[in-house]
Amino acid sequence: MNDRKKLNIDYTVYETFLTKKFVNRKMYAPADPKKITAFIPGSIREIYVRKGQKVKEGDPLFILEAMKMRNSVYSPLNGKIKEVHMVSEQKVAKNQLLIEFE
């Protein structure tokens, strides 16, 4: 039984055996600037925006406390808040969606 697969790296095709971990990996997706996610697990301490609110680049969005440090998160763009997916004092996981822009 031949389980070798073809793998193209920089326009060179290789025949190799792929591990189960490699086959089941999460595919890369570029970051979406309209979605703000938690960059570290922690707790939401304060939320400064609400659904439908217009914000400018640099406006404060919320405070994420992690490892006894309060991290202020600011808007990366001008826009309107589509949805706020968190509440104060909520514990969040790394990469959890917190705010969406329209």
N, C-alpha and C. Protein backbone atom coordinates (compact mmCIF):
# COMPACT_ATOMS: atom_id res chain seq x y z
N MET A 1 0.84 -1.19 0.00
CA MET A 1 0.00 0.00 0.00
C MET A 1 0.89 1.25 0.00
N ASN A 2 0.66 2.14 -0.92
CA ASN A 2 1.48 3.33 -1.07
C ASN A 2 0.70 4.54 -0.55
N ASP A 3 1.10 5.05 0.64
CA ASP A 3 0.42 6.20 1.25
C ASP A 3 1.17 7.50 1.00
N ARG A 4 2.10 7.48 0.08
CA ARG A 4 2.84 8.71 -0.19
C ARG A 4 1.95 9.71 -0.92
N LYS A 5 2.14 10.98 -0.56
CA LYS A 5 1.37 12.07 -1.17
C LYS A 5 2.34 13.01 -1.85
N LYS A 6 1.82 13.78 -2.78
CA LYS A 6 2.64 14.79 -3.44
C LYS A 6 2.48 16.10 -2.69
N LEU A 7 3.61 16.74 -2.44
CA LEU A 7 3.66 17.98 -1.68
C LEU A 7 4.44 18.99 -2.51
N ASN A 8 3.83 20.14 -2.81
CA ASN A 8 4.46 21.17 -3.63
C ASN A 8 5.00 22.26 -2.72
N ILE A 9 6.32 22.43 -2.70
CA ILE A 9 6.97 23.47 -1.90
C ILE A 9 7.83 24.30 -2.84
N ASP A 10 7.50 25.56 -2.96
CA ASP A 10 8.25 26.48 -3.83
C ASP A 10 8.44 25.91 -5.23
N TYR A 11 7.35 25.43 -5.81
CA TYR A 11 7.32 24.93 -7.19
C TYR A 11 8.14 23.66 -7.41
N THR A 12 8.50 22.98 -6.33
CA THR A 12 9.16 21.69 -6.42
C THR A 12 8.22 20.65 -5.80
N VAL A 13 7.94 19.58 -6.55
CA VAL A 13 7.01 18.55 -6.08
C VAL A 13 7.81 17.42 -5.43
N TYR A 14 7.41 17.07 -4.21
CA TYR A 14 8.04 15.99 -3.46
C TYR A 14 7.02 14.91 -3.20
N GLU A 15 7.45 13.67 -3.14
CA GLU A 15 6.61 12.57 -2.72
C GLU A 15 7.03 12.22 -1.30
N THR A 16 6.06 12.22 -0.39
CA THR A 16 6.39 11.99 1.01
C THR A 16 5.20 11.39 1.75
N PHE A 17 5.44 10.97 2.97
CA PHE A 17 4.38 10.49 3.84
C PHE A 17 3.95 11.67 4.72
N LEU A 18 2.67 11.95 4.79
CA LEU A 18 2.15 13.05 5.60
C LEU A 18 1.64 12.51 6.92
N THR A 19 1.98 13.19 8.01
CA THR A 19 1.50 12.77 9.32
C THR A 19 0.03 13.14 9.48
N LYS A 20 -0.64 12.45 10.38
CA LYS A 20 -2.05 12.73 10.66
C LYS A 20 -2.20 14.16 11.18
N LYS A 21 -1.25 14.61 12.00
CA LYS A 21 -1.28 15.96 12.54
C LYS A 21 -1.20 16.99 11.41
N PHE A 22 -0.34 16.75 10.42
CA PHE A 22 -0.21 17.66 9.29
C PHE A 22 -1.48 17.69 8.45
N VAL A 23 -2.06 16.55 8.18
CA VAL A 23 -3.27 16.47 7.36
C VAL A 23 -4.44 17.17 8.05
N ASN A 24 -4.54 17.08 9.38
CA ASN A 24 -5.67 17.65 10.12
C ASN A 24 -5.41 19.05 10.66
N ARG A 25 -4.31 19.69 10.25
CA ARG A 25 -3.96 21.01 10.78
C ARG A 25 -5.00 22.06 10.37
N LYS A 26 -5.05 23.12 11.15
CA LYS A 26 -5.92 24.25 10.83
C LYS A 26 -5.24 25.07 9.75
N MET A 27 -5.92 25.32 8.67
CA MET A 27 -5.34 26.06 7.56
C MET A 27 -5.18 27.53 7.92
N TYR A 28 -4.17 28.16 7.37
CA TYR A 28 -3.89 29.57 7.61
C TYR A 28 -4.99 30.43 7.02
N ALA A 29 -5.42 31.41 7.79
CA ALA A 29 -6.38 32.40 7.31
C ALA A 29 -5.84 33.77 7.71
N PRO A 30 -5.73 34.69 6.77
CA PRO A 30 -5.20 36.01 7.12
C PRO A 30 -6.11 36.71 8.13
N ALA A 31 -5.52 37.54 8.96
CA ALA A 31 -6.28 38.26 9.98
C ALA A 31 -7.28 39.20 9.32
N ASP A 32 -8.48 39.25 9.85
CA ASP A 32 -9.53 40.13 9.35
C ASP A 32 -9.54 41.38 10.23
N PRO A 33 -9.21 42.56 9.67
CA PRO A 33 -9.16 43.77 10.50
C PRO A 33 -10.52 44.20 11.04
N LYS A 34 -11.59 43.61 10.52
CA LYS A 34 -12.93 43.96 11.00
C LYS A 34 -13.37 43.08 12.17
N LYS A 35 -12.50 42.18 12.61
CA LYS A 35 -12.81 41.31 13.74
C LYS A 35 -11.72 41.46 14.80
N ILE A 36 -12.11 41.84 16.01
CA ILE A 36 -11.17 41.99 17.12
C ILE A 36 -11.29 40.73 17.98
N THR A 37 -10.16 40.05 18.16
CA THR A 37 -10.15 38.83 18.98
C THR A 37 -9.24 39.03 20.18
N ALA A 38 -9.40 38.18 21.18
CA ALA A 38 -8.55 38.24 22.36
C ALA A 38 -7.16 37.72 21.99
N PHE A 39 -6.13 38.52 22.26
CA PHE A 39 -4.77 38.12 21.92
C PHE A 39 -4.14 37.29 23.02
N ILE A 40 -4.83 37.19 24.17
CA ILE A 40 -4.36 36.42 25.32
C ILE A 40 -5.58 36.06 26.16
N PRO A 41 -5.62 34.92 26.84
CA PRO A 41 -6.76 34.62 27.70
C PRO A 41 -6.79 35.59 28.88
N GLY A 42 -7.98 35.97 29.28
CA GLY A 42 -8.09 36.91 30.40
C GLY A 42 -9.54 37.24 30.71
N SER A 43 -9.74 38.38 31.36
CA SER A 43 -11.08 38.84 31.75
C SER A 43 -11.33 40.23 31.19
N ILE A 44 -12.55 40.45 30.74
CA ILE A 44 -12.95 41.76 30.24
C ILE A 44 -13.30 42.61 31.46
N ARG A 45 -12.64 43.75 31.62
CA ARG A 45 -12.88 44.61 32.78
C ARG A 45 -13.82 45.76 32.47
N GLU A 46 -13.62 46.43 31.36
CA GLU A 46 -14.49 47.54 30.98
C GLU A 46 -14.72 47.50 29.47
N ILE A 47 -15.92 47.88 29.06
CA ILE A 47 -16.26 47.96 27.64
C ILE A 47 -16.71 49.40 27.37
N TYR A 48 -16.09 50.02 26.39
CA TYR A 48 -16.38 51.43 26.10
C TYR A 48 -17.29 51.63 24.90
N VAL A 49 -17.62 50.57 24.17
CA VAL A 49 -18.43 50.70 22.96
C VAL A 49 -19.66 49.82 23.04
N ARG A 50 -20.60 50.09 22.15
CA ARG A 50 -21.83 49.28 22.06
C ARG A 50 -22.18 49.10 20.59
N LYS A 51 -23.07 48.18 20.33
CA LYS A 51 -23.52 47.89 18.96
C LYS A 51 -24.07 49.16 18.31
N GLY A 52 -23.66 49.40 17.07
CA GLY A 52 -24.15 50.55 16.33
C GLY A 52 -23.36 51.83 16.51
N GLN A 53 -22.44 51.84 17.46
CA GLN A 53 -21.64 53.04 17.75
C GLN A 53 -20.57 53.23 16.68
N LYS A 54 -20.37 54.50 16.27
CA LYS A 54 -19.30 54.82 15.33
C LYS A 54 -18.04 55.12 16.13
N VAL A 55 -16.91 54.58 15.66
CA VAL A 55 -15.63 54.80 16.32
C VAL A 55 -14.59 55.24 15.30
N LYS A 56 -13.57 55.92 15.79
CA LYS A 56 -12.47 56.35 14.95
C LYS A 56 -11.24 55.53 15.32
N GLU A 57 -10.31 55.44 14.42
CA GLU A 57 -9.05 54.74 14.69
C GLU A 57 -8.40 55.34 15.92
N GLY A 58 -8.03 54.49 16.87
CA GLY A 58 -7.39 54.93 18.10
C GLY A 58 -8.34 55.11 19.27
N ASP A 59 -9.66 55.05 19.04
CA ASP A 59 -10.62 55.15 20.14
C ASP A 59 -10.53 53.89 21.01
N PRO A 60 -10.66 54.03 22.34
CA PRO A 60 -10.61 52.85 23.20
C PRO A 60 -11.86 51.98 23.01
N LEU A 61 -11.66 50.66 22.96
CA LEU A 61 -12.77 49.72 22.80
C LEU A 61 -13.10 49.02 24.12
N PHE A 62 -12.08 48.48 24.78
CA PHE A 62 -12.30 47.74 26.03
C PHE A 62 -10.97 47.53 26.73
N ILE A 63 -11.07 47.03 27.97
CA ILE A 63 -9.87 46.66 28.74
C ILE A 63 -9.92 45.16 28.98
N LEU A 64 -8.82 44.49 28.61
CA LEU A 64 -8.67 43.06 28.81
C LEU A 64 -7.59 42.86 29.87
N GLU A 65 -7.97 42.28 31.00
CA GLU A 65 -7.00 42.01 32.07
C GLU A 65 -6.48 40.60 31.92
N ALA A 66 -5.15 40.49 31.88
CA ALA A 66 -4.51 39.19 31.75
C ALA A 66 -3.21 39.22 32.55
N MET A 67 -2.97 38.21 33.34
CA MET A 67 -1.75 38.09 34.14
C MET A 67 -1.53 39.34 34.98
N LYS A 68 -2.59 39.83 35.61
CA LYS A 68 -2.58 40.99 36.50
C LYS A 68 -2.20 42.30 35.80
N MET A 69 -2.32 42.32 34.49
CA MET A 69 -2.06 43.55 33.74
C MET A 69 -3.31 43.93 32.98
N ARG A 70 -3.62 45.22 32.97
CA ARG A 70 -4.78 45.72 32.24
C ARG A 70 -4.31 46.23 30.88
N ASN A 71 -4.82 45.60 29.83
CA ASN A 71 -4.45 45.95 28.46
C ASN A 71 -5.59 46.71 27.80
N SER A 72 -5.35 47.95 27.46
CA SER A 72 -6.34 48.74 26.75
C SER A 72 -6.27 48.37 25.27
N VAL A 73 -7.43 48.10 24.68
CA VAL A 73 -7.50 47.73 23.27
C VAL A 73 -8.18 48.88 22.53
N TYR A 74 -7.53 49.34 21.46
CA TYR A 74 -8.00 50.50 20.70
C TYR A 74 -8.46 50.08 19.31
N SER A 75 -9.33 50.88 18.73
CA SER A 75 -9.86 50.60 17.40
C SER A 75 -8.76 50.70 16.36
N PRO A 76 -8.62 49.67 15.50
CA PRO A 76 -7.60 49.71 14.46
C PRO A 76 -8.05 50.47 13.21
N LEU A 77 -9.34 50.86 13.17
CA LEU A 77 -9.87 51.52 11.98
C LEU A 77 -11.05 52.41 12.32
N ASN A 78 -11.43 53.24 11.37
CA ASN A 78 -12.66 54.03 11.48
C ASN A 78 -13.81 53.13 11.04
N GLY A 79 -14.90 53.14 11.78
CA GLY A 79 -16.02 52.30 11.38
C GLY A 79 -17.15 52.31 12.39
N LYS A 80 -18.08 51.39 12.16
CA LYS A 80 -19.26 51.25 13.00
C LYS A 80 -19.24 49.85 13.61
N ILE A 81 -19.55 49.76 14.89
CA ILE A 81 -19.55 48.47 15.59
C ILE A 81 -20.76 47.66 15.12
N LYS A 82 -20.49 46.49 14.56
CA LYS A 82 -21.57 45.60 14.10
C LYS A 82 -22.11 44.78 15.26
N GLU A 83 -21.20 44.27 16.10
CA GLU A 83 -21.61 43.41 17.22
C GLU A 83 -20.54 43.40 18.29
N VAL A 84 -20.98 43.36 19.55
CA VAL A 84 -20.08 43.21 20.70
C VAL A 84 -20.39 41.84 21.29
N HIS A 85 -19.40 40.95 21.28
CA HIS A 85 -19.59 39.55 21.70
C HIS A 85 -19.06 39.29 23.10
N MET A 86 -19.16 40.28 23.99
CA MET A 86 -18.63 40.11 25.35
C MET A 86 -19.41 40.98 26.31
N VAL A 87 -19.26 40.68 27.59
CA VAL A 87 -19.85 41.50 28.66
C VAL A 87 -18.77 41.72 29.72
N SER A 88 -18.96 42.73 30.54
CA SER A 88 -17.98 43.01 31.60
C SER A 88 -17.84 41.82 32.52
N GLU A 89 -16.62 41.61 32.99
CA GLU A 89 -16.25 40.53 33.91
C GLU A 89 -16.28 39.15 33.27
N GLN A 90 -16.47 39.06 31.97
CA GLN A 90 -16.47 37.78 31.27
C GLN A 90 -15.05 37.29 31.09
N LYS A 91 -14.83 36.00 31.28
CA LYS A 91 -13.53 35.39 31.00
C LYS A 91 -13.53 35.01 29.52
N VAL A 92 -12.42 35.31 28.83
CA VAL A 92 -12.32 35.02 27.41
C VAL A 92 -11.09 34.17 27.13
N ALA A 93 -11.18 33.38 26.08
CA ALA A 93 -10.07 32.51 25.65
C ALA A 93 -9.27 33.22 24.56
N LYS A 94 -8.06 32.77 24.37
CA LYS A 94 -7.22 33.33 23.31
C LYS A 94 -7.93 33.11 21.97
N ASN A 95 -7.90 34.13 21.12
CA ASN A 95 -8.50 34.14 19.77
C ASN A 95 -10.03 34.14 19.77
N GLN A 96 -10.66 34.34 20.92
CA GLN A 96 -12.12 34.42 20.97
C GLN A 96 -12.56 35.74 20.34
N LEU A 97 -13.60 35.70 19.50
CA LEU A 97 -14.11 36.90 18.85
C LEU A 97 -14.77 37.79 19.89
N LEU A 98 -14.37 39.07 19.93
CA LEU A 98 -14.89 40.00 20.92
C LEU A 98 -15.72 41.12 20.30
N ILE A 99 -15.25 41.71 19.20
CA ILE A 99 -15.96 42.80 18.54
C ILE A 99 -15.85 42.64 17.03
N GLU A 100 -16.96 42.95 16.34
CA GLU A 100 -16.99 42.96 14.88
C GLU A 100 -17.34 44.35 14.39
N PHE A 101 -16.69 44.78 13.31
CA PHE A 101 -17.01 46.03 12.64
C PHE A 101 -17.83 45.76 11.40
N GLU A 102 -18.63 46.74 10.96
CA GLU A 102 -19.39 46.60 9.72
C GLU A 102 -18.47 46.77 8.53
